[in-house]
Amino acid sequence: MGKRWKLRLQTRTILMVSGLLLLIVGLMGVSIYSQMVAIVEKETGQRALNLAETLAGDPELIAAFQEPEPWTKIQPMAERIRKQSGAQFVVVGNRQGIRYSHPIPERIGRSMVGGDNDRALVNKESYVSKATGSLGPSLRGKTPIIDESGEVIGLVSVGFLMESVADMTLAYLMKMVWFFLLAFVVGVGGAIWLARSIKHATSGLEPDEIASLYKERSAVIEAVREGIIVVDGDGKVTLVNRAASRILGLSKGADVRGRELKELLPDTRLPYVVESGEKELDRRIQINGREIVVNRYPIRSPEGERVVGAVASFRLKSDMDELNEQLSQVSRYTEALRAQTHEFHNTLYTISGLIQLGSYKEALAMIHQETVENQDRIQRIVKGIPDPRLGGILLGFFNRAKERKVDFSLDEDSRLQPLPADFDRQGLVHIIGNLITNAFEAVDKNPPDQRQVRLYIGDTGGEILLEVEDSGQGITDGDTVRIWERGYSTKKGEKRGFGLPKVKETVEDMGGYIALERGELGGALFVVAVPRIHGGERREGGNTDG
């Protein structure tokens, strides 16, 4: 009877996990497919619209409308773009909707089909629409053709057949099918392995006992990748997982349960957490020459009245820095592109206007000025700040400053020597980024010609000096102490009051200091100094411990 029960449990486990996997994979497939359809249609529509706008703005196309037989010049242009882009059709029509180009030449001279041209011809709009044309249902981008006098003389319609869009979506989905199948097969294999492992390991234990053992061992030890150490109320080790053993350098298979934690880590603060009942988050310590980030939590009795132990979870700081750096790089790159794209569009509109007005010399001068300014700025950053992370964030802030009409300058005397391999670059980027962002916000209310932010980066060889100064209203005497408190801010709005306290904490973790002064520009001047070489966990008064 017991064997039959265990076999039934094994079968139920396999079926339950497999069914759940099938449901999850199915839901993921449906969700991903619906998202793919929307994404492909959006991207295809935008692509069609971009092609239409590019062709509509071509001076050669506009000039062709003045010819006695405009289709003789327009048809080759439209067909060339259609073949290069992969669109199903590129149709150019006049103000009456008569085709001047079509992938089927015999249809040139006939009226355009679809009934969705009025927005372009009457309202001068550029848009994406779905309609059934002469080639079938399609997704098309339409835009008016406007001559030099500002009058609409025709329109361009670039389209992709819905059948082609569906094929693209299906092609993307088919690439994911193998992933879904692999995930399902691996999941089923894992379910079978899990069921057999439970059958072998339980030695006839009942399901409630299996669940108890599984929750205790698997949830605490196997389900997390962080190193975990648990101590009881006397400071003795009750649990150490494999990740913790690896990070702490314990010999493989060593059983440290029941030993005093201070024997393993003389400078540990976990017994202090047991005594105080206070948690400690994101503390940095050095173990075996490697920096780790540790969180310590007290374990309370079920009634919550007393502390019966403590647990510490930790990971290598290098692992967290890698993830933070990836996110930081993406964020900086995205922000830099956004600001640069916005400014570039403004410049392009200006240059386009100068060209249309015939002011070619002014347009060339503007292009030359933009190129020289960007190159000079990049060369100055590369020469003075050799670290690519800092250079990247500074270039992003220059673009953001130009967009926000802030006179942002890097002091000409700024210099930074190559940083040590173990230097906390992410911390330095965090400090500079927060201080410059606060400075930009501080000058927002000033008139455009009075928005000044200055950055100085100095390197004495022993420590790195930072100065961030703005021309804002400054910090009042009553706020000079409170600005370092979490949740307090001189600005209105939610989720504020966390930047400067985090900056101060980062500076102190790096072994440095931060000060606030009144700057020459009339606003706040933040001065930061951090040593180039620093280790350990910083405490009040400069003490460090584990």
Protein backbone atom coordinates (compact mmCIF):
# COMPACT_ATOMS: atom_id res chain seq x y z
CA MET A 1 0.00 0.00 0.00
CA GLY A 2 2.88 2.31 0.85
CA LYS A 3 4.60 1.65 -2.47
CA ARG A 4 1.37 2.32 -4.35
CA TRP A 5 0.99 5.58 -2.40
CA LYS A 6 4.52 6.65 -3.20
CA LEU A 7 4.02 5.79 -6.87
CA ARG A 8 0.79 7.77 -6.88
CA LEU A 9 2.59 10.71 -5.30
CA GLN A 10 5.33 10.54 -7.92
CA THR A 11 2.80 10.45 -10.76
CA ARG A 12 0.80 13.31 -9.28
CA THR A 13 3.95 15.38 -8.91
CA ILE A 14 4.94 14.85 -12.52
CA LEU A 15 1.44 15.58 -13.84
CA MET A 16 0.99 18.65 -11.64
CA VAL A 17 4.32 20.21 -12.56
CA SER A 18 3.94 19.31 -16.24
CA GLY A 19 0.43 20.73 -16.32
CA LEU A 20 1.54 23.90 -14.63
CA LEU A 21 4.44 24.23 -17.06
CA LEU A 22 2.11 23.68 -19.99
CA LEU A 23 -0.26 26.33 -18.68
CA ILE A 24 2.56 28.81 -18.08
CA VAL A 25 4.14 28.15 -21.48
CA GLY A 26 0.72 28.49 -23.13
CA LEU A 27 -0.05 31.75 -21.38
CA MET A 28 3.40 33.07 -22.19
CA GLY A 29 2.93 32.09 -25.82
CA VAL A 30 -0.42 33.86 -26.06
CA SER A 31 0.90 36.92 -24.27
CA ILE A 32 4.07 37.10 -26.33
CA TYR A 33 2.15 36.59 -29.58
CA SER A 34 -0.29 39.40 -28.79
CA GLN A 35 2.60 41.67 -27.86
CA MET A 36 4.47 40.67 -31.02
CA VAL A 37 1.47 41.53 -33.18
CA ALA A 38 1.22 44.98 -31.60
CA ILE A 39 4.96 45.57 -31.78
CA VAL A 40 5.36 44.38 -35.37
CA GLU A 41 2.36 46.45 -36.53
CA LYS A 42 3.64 49.52 -34.69
CA GLU A 43 7.18 49.18 -36.03
CA THR A 44 5.98 48.36 -39.53
CA GLY A 45 3.57 51.30 -39.52
CA GLN A 46 6.28 53.65 -38.25
CA ARG A 47 8.68 52.32 -40.84
CA ALA A 48 6.14 52.93 -43.58
CA LEU A 49 5.48 56.44 -42.28
CA ASN A 50 9.20 57.23 -42.11
CA LEU A 51 9.67 56.11 -45.70
CA ALA A 52 6.67 58.17 -46.80
CA GLU A 53 7.93 61.30 -45.02
CA THR A 54 11.42 60.85 -46.46
CA LEU A 55 10.11 60.57 -50.00
CA ALA A 56 7.59 63.41 -49.55
CA GLY A 57 10.36 65.74 -48.46
CA ASP A 58 12.59 64.95 -51.45
CA PRO A 59 13.03 68.15 -53.51
CA GLU A 60 13.35 66.05 -56.66
CA LEU A 61 9.91 64.57 -56.06
CA ILE A 62 8.37 68.01 -55.44
CA ALA A 63 9.97 69.36 -58.59
CA ALA A 64 8.61 66.41 -60.60
CA PHE A 65 5.05 67.59 -59.94
CA GLN A 66 5.76 70.58 -62.20
CA GLU A 67 6.56 68.33 -65.17
CA PRO A 68 3.97 67.76 -67.91
CA GLU A 69 4.17 64.00 -67.23
CA PRO A 70 5.27 63.76 -63.61
CA TRP A 71 4.87 59.97 -63.42
CA THR A 72 7.83 59.49 -65.74
CA LYS A 73 10.15 60.73 -62.97
CA ILE A 74 8.14 59.78 -59.91
CA GLN A 75 7.59 56.09 -60.80
CA PRO A 76 11.34 55.23 -60.91
CA MET A 77 11.93 57.04 -57.60
CA ALA A 78 9.05 55.25 -55.89
CA GLU A 79 10.03 51.84 -57.24
CA ARG A 80 13.63 52.30 -56.14
CA ILE A 81 12.54 53.04 -52.56
CA ARG A 82 10.02 50.18 -52.62
CA LYS A 83 12.65 47.63 -53.66
CA GLN A 84 15.23 48.92 -51.20
CA SER A 85 12.84 49.00 -48.24
CA GLY A 86 10.90 45.80 -48.91
CA ALA A 87 7.55 47.61 -48.89
CA GLN A 88 4.72 46.10 -50.94
CA PHE A 89 3.88 49.44 -52.49
CA VAL A 90 5.02 53.05 -52.68
CA VAL A 91 2.26 55.10 -54.26
CA VAL A 92 2.50 58.81 -55.02
CA GLY A 93 -0.70 60.62 -55.92
CA ASN A 94 -1.71 64.17 -56.76
CA ARG A 95 -4.18 66.32 -54.86
CA GLN A 96 -7.09 64.56 -56.63
CA GLY A 97 -5.82 61.13 -55.56
CA ILE A 98 -4.64 60.13 -59.04
CA ARG A 99 -1.68 57.77 -58.94
CA TYR A 100 1.69 58.91 -60.30
CA SER A 101 3.37 55.68 -59.21
CA HIS A 102 2.34 52.08 -58.46
CA PRO A 103 4.11 48.72 -58.32
CA ILE A 104 1.78 47.64 -61.14
CA PRO A 105 2.51 50.28 -63.84
CA GLU A 106 -0.85 49.69 -65.56
CA ARG A 107 -2.61 51.23 -62.55
CA ILE A 108 -0.80 54.56 -62.85
CA GLY A 109 -3.28 57.27 -63.69
CA ARG A 110 -6.12 55.63 -61.79
CA SER A 111 -7.61 56.81 -58.50
CA MET A 112 -6.04 55.62 -55.25
CA VAL A 113 -8.10 53.03 -53.34
CA GLY A 114 -8.76 52.94 -49.60
CA GLY A 115 -10.64 56.16 -48.89
CA ASP A 116 -8.23 57.37 -46.22
CA ASN A 117 -6.43 60.20 -48.01
CA ASP A 118 -8.37 63.21 -46.68
CA ARG A 119 -6.34 63.56 -43.50
CA ALA A 120 -3.20 64.02 -45.59
CA LEU A 121 -4.67 66.07 -48.44
CA VAL A 122 -7.01 68.28 -46.39
CA ASN A 123 -5.55 68.38 -42.87
CA LYS A 124 -1.88 68.04 -43.84
CA GLU A 125 -1.47 65.14 -41.38
CA SER A 126 1.05 62.32 -41.44
CA TYR A 127 -0.43 59.10 -40.08
CA VAL A 128 -0.56 55.31 -40.14
CA SER A 129 -3.77 53.62 -41.23
CA LYS A 130 -5.21 50.23 -42.06
CA ALA A 131 -7.29 49.93 -45.19
CA THR A 132 -8.01 47.65 -48.14
CA GLY A 133 -6.37 48.90 -51.31
CA SER A 134 -5.95 47.56 -54.79
CA LEU A 135 -3.41 44.97 -53.55
CA GLY A 136 -5.46 43.90 -50.53
CA PRO A 137 -5.62 44.82 -46.82
CA SER A 138 -2.52 46.73 -45.84
CA LEU A 139 -0.85 48.83 -43.19
CA ARG A 140 0.18 52.10 -44.76
CA GLY A 141 1.93 55.31 -43.78
CA LYS A 142 0.58 58.42 -45.45
CA THR A 143 1.96 61.93 -45.54
CA PRO A 144 1.20 65.02 -47.62
CA ILE A 145 3.58 66.45 -50.21
CA ILE A 146 3.93 70.17 -49.56
CA ASP A 147 5.55 72.55 -52.02
CA GLU A 148 7.66 75.60 -51.19
CA SER A 149 4.58 77.77 -50.85
CA GLY A 150 3.17 75.49 -48.17
CA GLU A 151 0.40 74.11 -50.35
CA VAL A 152 -0.46 70.41 -50.50
CA ILE A 153 0.22 69.15 -54.02
CA GLY A 154 -0.19 65.45 -53.38
CA LEU A 155 0.56 62.63 -51.00
CA VAL A 156 2.81 59.60 -50.53
CA SER A 157 1.45 56.25 -49.35
CA VAL A 158 3.91 53.52 -48.35
CA GLY A 159 2.36 50.20 -47.35
CA PHE A 160 2.97 46.67 -46.20
CA LEU A 161 0.29 44.07 -46.81
CA MET A 162 -1.31 42.73 -43.64
CA GLU A 163 -0.49 39.27 -44.92
CA SER A 164 3.19 40.23 -44.93
CA VAL A 165 2.91 41.71 -41.42
CA ALA A 166 1.29 38.49 -40.23
CA ASP A 167 4.10 36.48 -41.83
CA MET A 168 6.69 38.57 -40.00
CA THR A 169 4.87 38.06 -36.70
CA LEU A 170 4.61 34.34 -37.29
CA ALA A 171 8.31 34.17 -38.19
CA TYR A 172 9.23 35.84 -34.91
CA LEU A 173 6.91 33.51 -33.01
CA MET A 174 8.35 30.42 -34.66
CA LYS A 175 11.76 31.42 -33.39
CA MET A 176 10.31 31.37 -29.89
CA VAL A 177 8.59 27.99 -30.31
CA TRP A 178 11.84 26.11 -29.85
CA PHE A 179 12.47 28.04 -26.69
CA PHE A 180 9.02 27.15 -25.36
CA LEU A 181 9.49 23.50 -26.30
CA LEU A 182 12.92 23.40 -24.69
CA ALA A 183 11.59 25.05 -21.55
CA PHE A 184 8.72 22.58 -21.39
CA VAL A 185 10.96 19.55 -21.99
CA VAL A 186 13.46 20.75 -19.40
CA GLY A 187 10.60 21.43 -17.01
CA VAL A 188 9.11 17.98 -17.50
CA GLY A 189 12.54 16.44 -17.09
CA GLY A 190 12.99 18.44 -13.92
CA ALA A 191 9.58 17.28 -12.71
CA ILE A 192 10.49 13.64 -13.31
CA TRP A 193 13.86 14.10 -11.62
CA LEU A 194 12.23 15.90 -8.70
CA ALA A 195 9.60 13.20 -8.27
CA ARG A 196 12.16 10.41 -8.33
CA SER A 197 14.47 12.29 -5.96
CA ILE A 198 11.63 12.79 -3.49
CA LYS A 199 10.70 9.12 -3.73
CA HIS A 200 14.28 8.06 -3.05
CA ALA A 201 15.00 10.59 -0.31
CA THR A 202 11.79 10.31 1.72
CA SER A 203 12.15 6.59 2.49
CA GLY A 204 8.40 6.21 2.87
CA LEU A 205 7.67 9.51 4.64
CA GLU A 206 4.13 10.86 4.37
CA PRO A 207 3.34 13.83 2.10
CA ASP A 208 3.02 16.30 4.99
CA GLU A 209 6.49 15.27 6.21
CA ILE A 210 7.86 15.61 2.68
CA ALA A 211 6.39 19.13 2.43
CA SER A 212 7.89 20.09 5.78
CA LEU A 213 11.37 18.89 4.84
CA TYR A 214 11.14 20.41 1.39
CA LYS A 215 10.12 23.83 2.68
CA GLU A 216 12.80 23.88 5.37
CA ARG A 217 15.76 22.72 3.29
CA SER A 218 14.92 23.69 -0.28
CA ALA A 219 13.34 27.11 0.41
CA VAL A 220 16.17 28.27 2.69
CA ILE A 221 19.20 26.65 1.08
CA GLU A 222 18.47 25.82 -2.54
CA ALA A 223 16.03 28.57 -3.54
CA VAL A 224 18.42 31.49 -3.02
CA ARG A 225 21.76 32.29 -4.58
CA GLU A 226 22.94 34.57 -1.78
CA GLY A 227 25.14 33.28 0.97
CA ILE A 228 23.09 32.67 4.13
CA ILE A 229 24.22 32.26 7.73
CA VAL A 230 21.74 31.72 10.59
CA VAL A 231 22.66 31.91 14.28
CA ASP A 232 20.60 31.23 17.37
CA GLY A 233 20.18 33.47 20.40
CA ASP A 234 23.60 32.42 21.73
CA GLY A 235 25.42 33.33 18.54
CA LYS A 236 25.96 29.72 17.48
CA VAL A 237 25.68 28.72 13.84
CA THR A 238 22.56 26.75 12.96
CA LEU A 239 22.68 26.94 9.15
CA VAL A 240 25.22 27.81 6.46
CA ASN A 241 24.36 27.30 2.78
CA ARG A 242 26.77 26.35 0.01
CA ALA A 243 27.02 29.89 -1.34
CA ALA A 244 28.05 31.16 2.09
CA SER A 245 30.64 28.39 2.45
CA ARG A 246 32.09 29.27 -0.92
CA ILE A 247 32.28 33.00 -0.19
CA LEU A 248 33.70 32.48 3.29
CA GLY A 249 36.28 30.02 1.99
CA LEU A 250 35.13 27.12 4.20
CA SER A 251 36.44 23.70 3.23
CA LYS A 252 34.02 21.57 1.21
CA GLY A 253 31.88 19.40 3.43
CA ALA A 254 32.89 21.19 6.63
CA ASP A 255 30.14 21.12 9.26
CA VAL A 256 30.19 24.35 11.26
CA ARG A 257 26.78 23.98 12.89
CA GLY A 258 26.93 24.48 16.64
CA ARG A 259 30.14 26.50 16.53
CA GLU A 260 30.39 30.11 17.66
CA LEU A 261 30.16 32.39 14.63
CA LYS A 262 32.97 34.55 16.06
CA GLU A 263 35.29 31.58 15.59
CA LEU A 264 34.68 31.81 11.86
CA LEU A 265 34.27 35.60 11.58
CA PRO A 266 35.90 37.38 14.53
CA ASP A 267 34.58 40.81 13.44
CA THR A 268 31.02 39.74 12.70
CA ARG A 269 28.16 41.98 13.81
CA LEU A 270 25.49 39.27 13.69
CA PRO A 271 25.54 38.74 17.50
CA TYR A 272 25.05 42.50 17.87
CA VAL A 273 21.89 42.23 15.75
CA VAL A 274 20.65 39.50 18.14
CA GLU A 275 21.24 41.82 21.08
CA SER A 276 19.83 45.01 19.57
CA GLY A 277 17.01 43.54 17.49
CA GLU A 278 17.80 46.11 14.77
CA LYS A 279 18.32 45.17 11.14
CA GLU A 280 21.32 46.37 9.17
CA LEU A 281 21.00 46.72 5.40
CA ASP A 282 23.48 46.97 2.54
CA ARG A 283 26.62 47.04 4.69
CA ARG A 284 29.96 46.49 2.98
CA ILE A 285 32.64 44.28 4.52
CA GLN A 286 35.88 42.61 3.46
CA ILE A 287 36.16 38.82 3.68
CA ASN A 288 39.17 36.93 2.33
CA GLY A 289 40.18 39.98 0.31
CA ARG A 290 36.80 40.24 -1.41
CA GLU A 291 34.23 42.94 -0.79
CA ILE A 292 30.71 41.73 -0.12
CA VAL A 293 27.38 43.41 0.61
CA VAL A 294 25.55 42.00 3.63
CA ASN A 295 22.05 42.36 5.08
CA ARG A 296 21.40 41.32 8.67
CA TYR A 297 17.92 40.65 10.09
CA PRO A 298 16.85 39.61 13.58
CA ILE A 299 14.70 36.48 13.92
CA ARG A 300 11.87 36.97 16.38
CA SER A 301 9.76 34.46 18.25
CA PRO A 302 6.29 33.70 16.84
CA GLU A 303 4.74 36.19 19.23
CA GLY A 304 7.36 38.75 18.19
CA GLU A 305 8.32 39.68 21.75
CA ARG A 306 11.93 38.49 21.78
CA VAL A 307 14.81 37.90 19.39
CA VAL A 308 15.72 34.23 19.09
CA GLY A 309 18.42 34.52 16.47
CA ALA A 310 19.59 36.38 13.39
CA VAL A 311 20.16 35.71 9.70
CA ALA A 312 22.70 37.31 7.38
CA SER A 313 22.43 37.19 3.60
CA PHE A 314 25.25 38.43 1.42
CA ARG A 315 26.59 38.50 -2.12
CA LEU A 316 29.84 39.53 -3.71
CA LYS A 317 29.78 43.25 -4.37
CA SER A 318 31.37 42.62 -7.78
CA ASP A 319 28.24 40.69 -8.85
CA MET A 320 25.97 43.55 -7.76
CA ASP A 321 28.26 46.16 -9.29
CA GLU A 322 28.12 44.37 -12.61
CA LEU A 323 24.32 44.48 -12.64
CA ASN A 324 24.26 48.09 -11.40
CA GLU A 325 26.78 49.09 -14.03
CA GLN A 326 24.78 47.47 -16.82
CA LEU A 327 21.63 49.26 -15.69
CA SER A 328 23.52 52.53 -15.19
CA GLN A 329 25.07 52.31 -18.65
CA VAL A 330 21.71 51.63 -20.28
CA SER A 331 20.08 54.49 -18.35
CA ARG A 332 22.88 56.91 -19.16
CA TYR A 333 22.92 55.85 -22.79
CA THR A 334 19.15 56.17 -23.08
CA GLU A 335 19.09 59.60 -21.46
CA ALA A 336 22.02 60.81 -23.56
CA LEU A 337 20.35 59.59 -26.75
CA ARG A 338 17.04 61.17 -25.76
CA ALA A 339 18.60 64.55 -25.02
CA GLN A 340 20.88 64.39 -28.05
CA THR A 341 18.02 63.34 -30.35
CA HIS A 342 15.83 66.19 -29.11
CA GLU A 343 18.59 68.75 -29.62
CA PHE A 344 19.57 67.22 -32.95
CA HIS A 345 16.00 67.50 -34.20
CA ASN A 346 15.94 71.19 -33.26
CA THR A 347 19.23 71.72 -35.09
CA LEU A 348 17.98 69.84 -38.16
CA TYR A 349 14.80 71.93 -38.26
CA THR A 350 16.90 75.11 -38.09
CA ILE A 351 19.25 73.92 -40.83
CA SER A 352 16.29 72.83 -42.96
CA GLY A 353 14.73 76.25 -42.54
CA LEU A 354 17.96 78.01 -43.52
CA ILE A 355 18.28 75.85 -46.63
CA GLN A 356 14.68 76.48 -47.64
CA LEU A 357 15.32 80.20 -47.21
CA GLY A 358 18.40 79.93 -49.39
CA SER A 359 20.77 80.82 -46.54
CA TYR A 360 23.29 78.14 -47.45
CA LYS A 361 26.30 79.82 -45.86
CA GLU A 362 24.49 80.19 -42.55
CA ALA A 363 23.43 76.52 -42.70
CA LEU A 364 27.01 75.39 -43.35
CA ALA A 365 28.27 77.60 -40.54
CA MET A 366 25.77 76.11 -38.14
CA ILE A 367 26.72 72.56 -39.13
CA HIS A 368 30.40 73.40 -38.65
CA GLN A 369 29.73 75.01 -35.27
CA GLU A 370 27.78 72.00 -34.00
CA THR A 371 30.50 69.59 -35.15
CA VAL A 372 33.35 71.60 -33.61
CA GLU A 373 31.53 72.05 -30.28
CA ASN A 374 30.78 68.33 -29.95
CA GLN A 375 34.29 67.27 -30.91
CA ASP A 376 35.92 69.78 -28.56
CA ARG A 377 33.72 68.63 -25.68
CA ILE A 378 34.44 64.95 -26.32
CA GLN A 379 38.19 65.54 -26.67
CA ARG A 380 38.29 67.56 -23.45
CA ILE A 381 36.46 64.81 -21.54
CA VAL A 382 38.57 61.99 -23.01
CA LYS A 383 41.80 63.88 -22.30
CA GLY A 384 40.97 65.00 -18.76
CA ILE A 385 38.72 62.15 -17.57
CA PRO A 386 40.12 58.87 -18.95
CA ASP A 387 37.56 56.67 -17.17
CA PRO A 388 34.86 55.70 -19.75
CA ARG A 389 32.07 55.44 -17.15
CA LEU A 390 32.63 58.98 -15.87
CA GLY A 391 33.18 60.26 -19.40
CA GLY A 392 29.92 58.68 -20.52
CA ILE A 393 27.83 60.20 -17.74
CA LEU A 394 29.44 63.64 -18.22
CA LEU A 395 28.71 63.59 -21.95
CA GLY A 396 25.12 62.66 -21.14
CA PHE A 397 24.84 65.59 -18.72
CA PHE A 398 26.23 68.00 -21.34
CA ASN A 399 23.47 66.91 -23.72
CA ARG A 400 20.85 67.18 -20.97
CA ALA A 401 22.14 70.62 -20.00
CA LYS A 402 21.85 71.85 -23.57
CA GLU A 403 18.27 70.61 -23.70
CA ARG A 404 17.40 72.29 -20.39
CA LYS A 405 19.24 75.50 -21.34
CA VAL A 406 21.71 75.14 -18.48
CA ASP A 407 25.24 76.50 -18.81
CA PHE A 408 27.02 73.35 -17.63
CA SER A 409 30.81 73.50 -17.62
CA LEU A 410 33.66 71.22 -16.66
CA ASP A 411 36.46 73.21 -15.04
CA GLU A 412 39.44 73.45 -17.39
CA ASP A 413 41.76 72.35 -14.56
CA SER A 414 39.81 69.11 -14.05
CA ARG A 415 42.06 66.07 -14.19
CA LEU A 416 41.65 62.44 -13.18
CA GLN A 417 44.38 59.84 -13.21
CA PRO A 418 43.59 56.21 -14.12
CA LEU A 419 41.69 54.65 -11.21
CA PRO A 420 42.84 51.50 -9.37
CA ALA A 421 41.22 48.26 -10.50
CA ASP A 422 39.39 47.83 -7.17
CA PHE A 423 38.19 51.44 -6.96
CA ASP A 424 34.42 51.86 -6.50
CA ARG A 425 33.71 53.48 -9.88
CA GLN A 426 29.99 52.89 -9.53
CA GLY A 427 30.00 54.80 -6.25
CA LEU A 428 31.81 57.74 -7.84
CA VAL A 429 29.38 57.77 -10.78
CA HIS A 430 26.48 57.70 -8.30
CA ILE A 431 27.91 60.68 -6.36
CA ILE A 432 28.57 62.83 -9.43
CA GLY A 433 25.26 61.92 -11.08
CA ASN A 434 23.15 62.81 -8.02
CA LEU A 435 24.94 66.07 -7.31
CA ILE A 436 24.75 67.29 -10.92
CA THR A 437 21.07 66.29 -11.17
CA ASN A 438 20.31 68.25 -7.98
CA ALA A 439 22.24 71.22 -9.36
CA PHE A 440 20.23 71.16 -12.61
CA GLU A 441 17.00 71.12 -10.60
CA ALA A 442 18.26 73.96 -8.39
CA VAL A 443 18.68 76.34 -11.35
CA ASP A 444 15.47 75.37 -13.18
CA LYS A 445 13.56 78.37 -11.82
CA ASN A 446 16.28 80.84 -12.83
CA PRO A 447 16.05 82.78 -16.10
CA PRO A 448 17.81 80.86 -18.93
CA ASP A 449 20.81 83.21 -18.91
CA GLN A 450 21.33 82.64 -15.16
CA ARG A 451 21.35 78.84 -15.10
CA GLN A 452 24.92 77.90 -14.34
CA VAL A 453 26.35 74.62 -13.06
CA ARG A 454 30.08 74.02 -12.70
CA LEU A 455 31.89 70.73 -12.07
CA TYR A 456 35.47 70.32 -10.95
CA ILE A 457 37.23 66.94 -10.70
CA GLY A 458 40.66 66.95 -9.12
CA ASP A 459 43.12 64.17 -8.38
CA THR A 460 45.91 64.71 -5.88
CA GLY A 461 47.21 61.19 -6.25
CA GLY A 462 46.00 60.26 -2.78
CA GLU A 463 42.38 61.33 -3.04
CA ILE A 464 39.83 62.48 -5.59
CA LEU A 465 38.23 65.91 -5.11
CA LEU A 466 34.84 66.87 -6.51
CA GLU A 467 33.15 70.28 -6.54
CA VAL A 468 29.62 70.76 -7.88
CA GLU A 469 28.42 74.38 -7.81
CA ASP A 470 25.21 75.95 -9.08
CA SER A 471 23.67 79.41 -9.40
CA GLY A 472 20.43 78.46 -7.68
CA GLN A 473 18.94 79.85 -4.48
CA GLY A 474 21.31 77.85 -2.30
CA ILE A 475 20.53 75.98 0.92
CA THR A 476 19.20 77.97 3.86
CA ASP A 477 20.92 77.72 7.24
CA GLY A 478 17.94 75.86 8.62
CA ASP A 479 18.20 73.18 5.94
CA THR A 480 21.96 72.57 5.99
CA VAL A 481 21.53 69.79 8.54
CA ARG A 482 18.16 68.38 7.49
CA ILE A 483 19.09 67.85 3.82
CA TRP A 484 21.08 64.78 4.90
CA GLU A 485 17.98 63.21 6.48
CA ARG A 486 16.14 60.56 4.47
CA GLY A 487 12.76 61.73 3.22
CA TYR A 488 13.47 65.44 3.73
CA SER A 489 13.66 67.66 0.65
CA THR A 490 13.49 71.35 -0.15
CA LYS A 491 11.64 70.47 -3.37
CA LYS A 492 7.99 69.56 -3.66
CA GLY A 493 6.87 66.19 -4.94
CA GLU A 494 6.78 62.54 -4.00
CA LYS A 495 9.77 60.20 -3.80
CA ARG A 496 12.17 62.98 -2.92
CA GLY A 497 14.61 63.40 -0.09
CA PHE A 498 16.64 60.25 -0.77
CA GLY A 499 19.39 61.42 -3.14
CA LEU A 500 21.65 63.44 -0.84
CA PRO A 501 21.42 61.01 2.10
CA LYS A 502 22.40 58.19 -0.25
CA VAL A 503 25.26 60.30 -1.62
CA LYS A 504 26.53 60.97 1.91
CA GLU A 505 26.28 57.27 2.74
CA THR A 506 28.18 56.33 -0.42
CA VAL A 507 30.89 58.91 0.26
CA GLU A 508 31.35 57.62 3.79
CA ASP A 509 31.37 53.99 2.61
CA MET A 510 34.24 54.97 0.31
CA GLY A 511 36.09 56.46 3.29
CA GLY A 512 35.60 60.10 2.29
CA TYR A 513 33.64 63.14 3.37
CA ILE A 514 31.18 65.64 1.86
CA ALA A 515 30.66 69.29 2.80
CA LEU A 516 28.22 72.03 1.81
CA GLU A 517 29.34 75.63 1.26
CA ARG A 518 28.12 78.82 -0.39
CA GLY A 519 29.55 78.96 -3.92
CA GLU A 520 30.84 81.86 -5.97
CA LEU A 521 27.89 81.47 -8.35
CA GLY A 522 25.52 82.30 -5.50
CA GLY A 523 24.07 78.84 -4.98
CA ALA A 524 25.14 75.66 -3.26
CA LEU A 525 28.66 74.26 -3.51
CA PHE A 526 29.12 70.59 -2.62
CA VAL A 527 32.69 69.51 -1.93
CA VAL A 528 33.53 65.80 -1.88
CA ALA A 529 36.82 64.07 -1.15
CA VAL A 530 37.27 60.30 -1.40
CA PRO A 531 40.52 58.33 -1.09
CA ARG A 532 41.76 56.44 -4.12
CA ILE A 533 42.43 53.35 -1.99
CA HIS A 534 39.97 52.30 0.72
CA GLY A 535 38.71 49.06 2.18
CA GLY A 536 36.40 47.84 4.91
CA GLU A 537 33.03 48.98 6.20
CA ARG A 538 32.83 52.56 7.36
CA ARG A 539 31.15 53.41 10.68
CA GLU A 540 30.56 56.52 12.71
CA GLY A 541 33.89 58.02 13.62
CA GLY A 542 35.64 56.14 10.83
CA ASN A 543 35.59 52.72 12.53
CA THR A 544 35.15 49.55 10.47
CA ASP A 545 34.16 46.06 11.39
CA GLY A 546 32.67 42.94 9.95
